[in-house]
């Protein structure tokens, strides 16, 4: 069981590394002038772009969660 949990956490950590690395890149790309003109719209655009760029990682994390839950149920 411990090995199962360790593998699950390792898989999630790998996905998280990709997202964190790219989040730092987005922070560097913020145009303060555009942000100040309309903060809500600008942040929505940034968040949509971030989501589109990381949808694969989000889907992988979801599938990993499903796989992990199935393995836990099998081992109960």
C-alpha atoms as a PDB file:
ATOM      1  CA  UNK A   1       0.000   0.000   0.000  1.00  0.00           C
ATOM      2  CA  UNK A   2       2.835   2.384   0.880  1.00  0.00           C
ATOM      3  CA  UNK A   3       4.423   1.818  -2.533  1.00  0.00           C
ATOM      4  CA  UNK A   4       1.108   2.640  -4.206  1.00  0.00           C
ATOM      5  CA  UNK A   5       0.839   5.918  -2.300  1.00  0.00           C
ATOM      6  CA  UNK A   6       4.485   6.777  -3.000  1.00  0.00           C
ATOM      7  CA  UNK A   7       4.031   6.183  -6.751  1.00  0.00           C
ATOM      8  CA  UNK A   8       0.854   8.286  -6.780  1.00  0.00           C
ATOM      9  CA  UNK A   9       2.582  11.198  -5.046  1.00  0.00           C
ATOM     10  CA  UNK A  10       5.559  10.921  -7.411  1.00  0.00           C
ATOM     11  CA  UNK A  11       3.265  11.107 -10.459  1.00  0.00           C
ATOM     12  CA  UNK A  12       1.458  14.155  -9.083  1.00  0.00           C
ATOM     13  CA  UNK A  13       4.757  15.840  -8.199  1.00  0.00           C
ATOM     14  CA  UNK A  14       5.957  15.435 -11.784  1.00  0.00           C
ATOM     15  CA  UNK A  15       2.802  17.065 -13.136  1.00  0.00           C
ATOM     16  CA  UNK A  16       3.027  19.832 -10.552  1.00  0.00           C
ATOM     17  CA  UNK A  17       6.617  20.663 -11.562  1.00  0.00           C
ATOM     18  CA  UNK A  18       5.530  21.368 -15.143  1.00  0.00           C
ATOM     19  CA  UNK A  19       2.711  23.637 -14.034  1.00  0.00           C
ATOM     20  CA  UNK A  20       4.806  25.552 -11.484  1.00  0.00           C
ATOM     21  CA  UNK A  21       7.577  26.140 -14.014  1.00  0.00           C
ATOM     22  CA  UNK A  22       5.133  27.570 -16.532  1.00  0.00           C
ATOM     23  CA  UNK A  23       3.300  29.624 -13.888  1.00  0.00           C
ATOM     24  CA  UNK A  24       6.564  31.436 -13.180  1.00  0.00           C
ATOM     25  CA  UNK A  25       6.862  32.220 -16.904  1.00  0.00           C
ATOM     26  CA  UNK A  26       3.369  33.714 -16.982  1.00  0.00           C
ATOM     27  CA  UNK A  27       4.188  36.001 -14.056  1.00  0.00           C
ATOM     28  CA  UNK A  28       7.132  37.402 -16.000  1.00  0.00           C
ATOM     29  CA  UNK A  29       4.926  38.038 -19.045  1.00  0.00           C
ATOM     30  CA  UNK A  30       2.327  40.225 -17.292  1.00  0.00           C
ATOM     31  CA  UNK A  31       1.892  43.589 -18.975  1.00  0.00           C
ATOM     32  CA  UNK A  32       1.145  45.983 -16.112  1.00  0.00           C
ATOM     33  CA  UNK A  33      -0.290  48.657 -18.394  1.00  0.00           C
ATOM     34  CA  UNK A  34      -2.830  46.204 -19.829  1.00  0.00           C
ATOM     35  CA  UNK A  35      -3.528  44.822 -16.382  1.00  0.00           C
ATOM     36  CA  UNK A  36      -4.296  48.268 -14.974  1.00  0.00           C
ATOM     37  CA  UNK A  37      -6.676  49.103 -17.828  1.00  0.00           C
ATOM     38  CA  UNK A  38      -9.021  46.214 -17.001  1.00  0.00           C
ATOM     39  CA  UNK A  39      -7.685  43.858 -14.319  1.00  0.00           C
ATOM     40  CA  UNK A  40     -10.582  41.400 -14.386  1.00  0.00           C
ATOM     41  CA  UNK A  41     -10.538  40.865 -18.154  1.00  0.00           C
ATOM     42  CA  UNK A  42      -6.764  40.694 -18.264  1.00  0.00           C
ATOM     43  CA  UNK A  43      -6.598  38.076 -15.513  1.00  0.00           C
ATOM     44  CA  UNK A  44      -9.341  36.059 -17.216  1.00  0.00           C
ATOM     45  CA  UNK A  45      -7.306  36.062 -20.429  1.00  0.00           C
ATOM     46  CA  UNK A  46      -4.187  34.940 -18.567  1.00  0.00           C
ATOM     47  CA  UNK A  47      -6.018  32.209 -16.690  1.00  0.00           C
ATOM     48  CA  UNK A  48      -7.667  30.927 -19.875  1.00  0.00           C
ATOM     49  CA  UNK A  49      -4.297  30.816 -21.617  1.00  0.00           C
ATOM     50  CA  UNK A  50      -2.772  28.993 -18.650  1.00  0.00           C
ATOM     51  CA  UNK A  51      -5.622  26.476 -18.592  1.00  0.00           C
ATOM     52  CA  UNK A  52      -5.376  25.812 -22.328  1.00  0.00           C
ATOM     53  CA  UNK A  53      -1.628  25.331 -22.053  1.00  0.00           C
ATOM     54  CA  UNK A  54      -1.962  22.864 -19.166  1.00  0.00           C
ATOM     55  CA  UNK A  55      -5.138  20.978 -19.974  1.00  0.00           C
ATOM     56  CA  UNK A  56      -3.087  17.842 -20.702  1.00  0.00           C
ATOM     57  CA  UNK A  57      -1.480  17.939 -17.255  1.00  0.00           C
ATOM     58  CA  UNK A  58      -4.859  18.559 -15.613  1.00  0.00           C
ATOM     59  CA  UNK A  59      -6.385  15.594 -17.454  1.00  0.00           C
ATOM     60  CA  UNK A  60      -3.407  13.395 -16.523  1.00  0.00           C
ATOM     61  CA  UNK A  61      -3.820  14.385 -12.865  1.00  0.00           C
ATOM     62  CA  UNK A  62      -7.513  13.520 -13.021  1.00  0.00           C
ATOM     63  CA  UNK A  63      -6.793  10.115 -14.558  1.00  0.00           C
ATOM     64  CA  UNK A  64      -4.057   9.520 -11.991  1.00  0.00           C
ATOM     65  CA  UNK A  65      -6.571  10.245  -9.224  1.00  0.00           C
ATOM     66  CA  UNK A  66      -9.042   7.786 -10.718  1.00  0.00           C
ATOM     67  CA  UNK A  67      -6.345   5.128 -11.099  1.00  0.00           C
ATOM     68  CA  UNK A  68      -5.168   5.678  -7.532  1.00  0.00           C
ATOM     69  CA  UNK A  69      -8.710   5.442  -6.150  1.00  0.00           C
ATOM     70  CA  UNK A  70      -9.303   2.202  -8.063  1.00  0.00           C
ATOM     71  CA  UNK A  71      -6.082   0.702  -6.681  1.00  0.00           C
ATOM     72  CA  UNK A  72      -6.973   1.719  -3.133  1.00  0.00           C
ATOM     73  CA  UNK A  73     -10.424   0.137  -3.454  1.00  0.00           C
ATOM     74  CA  UNK A  74      -8.858  -3.089  -4.787  1.00  0.00           C
ATOM     75  CA  UNK A  75      -6.520  -3.216  -1.780  1.00  0.00           C
ATOM     76  CA  UNK A  76      -9.154  -2.649   0.878  1.00  0.00           C
END
